[in-house]
Protein backbone atom coordinates (compact mmCIF):
# COMPACT_ATOMS: atom_id res chain seq x y z
CA MET A 1 0.00 0.00 0.00
CA SER A 2 1.32 3.46 -0.91
CA ILE A 3 0.30 6.44 1.16
CA LEU A 4 0.45 9.89 -0.35
CA ILE A 5 0.32 12.77 2.08
CA LYS A 6 -1.34 15.86 0.70
CA SER A 7 -1.69 19.27 2.22
CA ASN A 8 -4.81 21.32 1.83
CA ASN A 9 -3.64 24.93 1.47
CA LEU A 10 -7.04 26.38 2.29
CA ASN A 11 -7.10 25.36 5.92
CA GLY A 12 -3.68 23.81 6.53
CA LYS A 13 -5.08 20.34 7.21
CA VAL A 14 -3.10 17.28 6.23
CA PHE A 15 -4.95 14.21 5.06
CA LEU A 16 -4.02 10.80 3.77
CA LEU A 17 -4.95 9.77 0.26
CA VAL A 18 -4.30 6.07 0.34
CA TRP A 19 -5.51 4.94 -3.07
CA THR A 20 -5.72 6.60 -6.47
CA LYS A 21 -7.07 5.69 -9.92
CA ASN A 22 -3.65 4.26 -10.76
CA ASN A 23 -2.77 2.79 -7.36
CA TYR A 24 -5.55 0.79 -5.73
CA PRO A 25 -5.99 -2.45 -3.77
CA GLU A 26 -5.79 -5.78 -5.60
CA ALA A 27 -9.39 -6.47 -4.53
CA MET A 28 -10.53 -3.65 -6.85
CA LYS A 29 -8.71 -4.79 -9.99
CA ASN A 30 -11.69 -6.58 -11.59
CA LEU A 31 -14.21 -3.81 -10.97
CA THR A 32 -15.37 -1.62 -13.82
CA GLU A 33 -13.61 1.74 -13.91
CA ASN A 34 -16.65 3.65 -12.62
CA ILE A 35 -17.26 1.26 -9.74
CA ARG A 36 -13.55 1.13 -8.89
CA ASN A 37 -13.25 4.93 -8.80
CA LYS A 38 -16.27 5.18 -6.49
CA ALA A 39 -14.90 2.34 -4.30
CA ILE A 40 -11.57 4.18 -4.04
CA GLU A 41 -13.33 7.38 -3.00
CA ILE A 42 -15.48 5.62 -0.39
CA SER A 43 -12.57 3.55 0.97
CA ASN A 44 -10.34 6.60 1.34
CA THR A 45 -13.09 8.40 3.23
CA LEU A 46 -13.54 5.44 5.56
CA LEU A 47 -9.79 5.33 6.24
CA GLU A 48 -9.85 9.01 7.13
CA GLU A 49 -12.64 8.17 9.59
CA GLY A 50 -10.43 5.55 11.23
CA TYR A 51 -11.66 2.30 9.66
CA GLU A 52 -9.20 -0.58 9.38
CA GLU A 53 -7.85 -0.97 5.82
CA GLY A 54 -9.45 -4.34 4.98
CA ARG A 55 -12.82 -3.27 6.30
CA ALA A 56 -12.62 0.05 4.42
CA ILE A 57 -11.90 -1.81 1.16
CA ALA A 58 -14.77 -4.29 1.64
CA ILE A 59 -17.28 -1.59 2.54
CA GLY A 60 -16.05 0.70 -0.25
CA ILE A 61 -16.51 -2.00 -2.89
CA SER A 62 -19.91 -3.06 -1.57
CA GLN A 63 -21.26 0.49 -1.43
CA ALA A 64 -19.88 1.39 -4.86
CA GLU A 65 -21.54 -1.66 -6.41
CA LYS A 66 -24.86 -0.79 -4.78
CA MET A 67 -24.64 2.77 -6.07
CA ASP A 68 -23.86 1.47 -9.56
CA ASP A 69 -26.98 -0.73 -9.46
CA SER A 70 -29.13 2.36 -9.52
CA PHE A 71 -27.84 3.06 -13.05
CA ARG A 72 -28.12 -0.54 -14.25
CA VAL A 73 -30.58 -1.37 -17.03
CA MET A 74 -33.37 -3.66 -15.83
CA TYR A 75 -35.03 -6.31 -17.98
CA HIS A 76 -37.89 -8.65 -17.06
CA ILE A 77 -38.80 -12.02 -18.51
CA ILE A 78 -42.54 -12.14 -18.25
CA PRO A 79 -45.41 -14.34 -19.46
CA GLN A 80 -47.34 -12.69 -22.27
CA ASP A 81 -50.30 -14.18 -24.10
CA GLY A 82 -49.08 -17.77 -23.78
CA GLU A 83 -45.53 -16.84 -24.73
CA TRP A 84 -42.54 -15.29 -22.92
CA ALA A 85 -41.38 -11.73 -23.41
CA ILE A 86 -38.30 -9.71 -22.52
CA LYS A 87 -39.33 -6.25 -21.49
CA LYS A 88 -37.10 -3.38 -20.44
CA GLU A 89 -38.31 -1.94 -17.15
CA ASN A 90 -40.84 0.89 -17.64
CA ALA A 91 -41.09 0.19 -21.38
CA SER A 92 -44.56 0.10 -22.89
CA HIS A 93 -43.80 -2.88 -25.18
CA ALA A 94 -41.68 -6.00 -25.00
CA SER A 95 -38.27 -5.99 -26.71
CA HIS A 96 -38.65 -9.61 -27.83
CA VAL A 97 -41.27 -12.36 -27.57
CA PHE A 98 -40.40 -16.07 -27.58
CA SER A 99 -42.41 -19.27 -27.72
CA THR A 100 -40.62 -20.73 -24.69
CA LYS A 101 -39.27 -19.41 -21.41
CA GLU A 102 -35.92 -21.10 -22.14
CA LYS A 103 -35.45 -19.06 -25.34
CA ALA A 104 -36.37 -15.86 -23.48
CA LEU A 105 -33.90 -16.76 -20.72
CA GLU A 106 -31.11 -17.29 -23.24
CA LYS A 107 -31.62 -13.83 -24.74
CA GLY A 108 -32.14 -12.26 -21.31
CA GLN A 109 -28.88 -13.71 -19.98
CA TYR A 110 -27.10 -12.34 -23.05
CA TYR A 111 -28.50 -8.90 -22.16
CA ALA A 112 -27.38 -9.28 -18.55
CA LYS A 113 -23.81 -9.91 -19.67
CA THR A 114 -23.51 -7.47 -22.56
CA LYS A 115 -25.60 -4.53 -21.35
CA ASN A 116 -24.66 -4.50 -17.66
CA ALA A 117 -28.29 -5.40 -17.04
CA GLN A 118 -30.21 -6.89 -14.18
CA LEU A 119 -32.57 -9.62 -15.27
CA THR A 120 -35.72 -10.35 -13.28
CA ILE A 121 -37.29 -13.69 -14.18
CA HIS A 122 -40.98 -14.12 -13.49
CA ARG A 123 -43.10 -17.26 -13.10
CA GLN A 124 -46.17 -18.03 -15.19
CA ASP A 125 -48.36 -16.38 -12.52
CA GLY A 126 -46.26 -13.15 -12.75
CA THR A 127 -44.50 -13.49 -9.38
CA ILE A 128 -40.72 -13.11 -9.26
CA GLU A 129 -38.81 -16.37 -9.53
CA LYS A 130 -35.23 -15.06 -9.58
CA VAL A 131 -33.14 -11.91 -10.05
CA GLN A 132 -29.84 -12.13 -11.90
CA ASN A 133 -27.18 -9.44 -11.99
CA THR A 134 -24.46 -9.04 -14.59
CA GLY A 135 -22.59 -12.28 -15.15
CA SER A 136 -24.82 -14.34 -12.84
């Protein structure tokens, strides 16, 4: 771990900036750039507040991923007139309609992986069966 000490000229305070966009914990290496940058920011703040390094990293990553979820595209696999549809959340019409749930799932899982999407799979009665996040 590298620690950079910076001085804030406005009020003379000294603070520790432990991680940067180019120097971050190994645990953050597989995060997307946006999530990693937010995790770095959160983790550094927690360190300043006195959290232990490992705990700050874990909390920083968890919180950054939760914040990123609010920007994630959401798709639903829903029953529709005897068939199965993939519908983007809040859309008025389905993106695709398939004869079987399996075919809809295949396309929906492709969306989850390629569009950073969350996929909510419904049962025939419309209740939620399962929620899948990217790469699940």
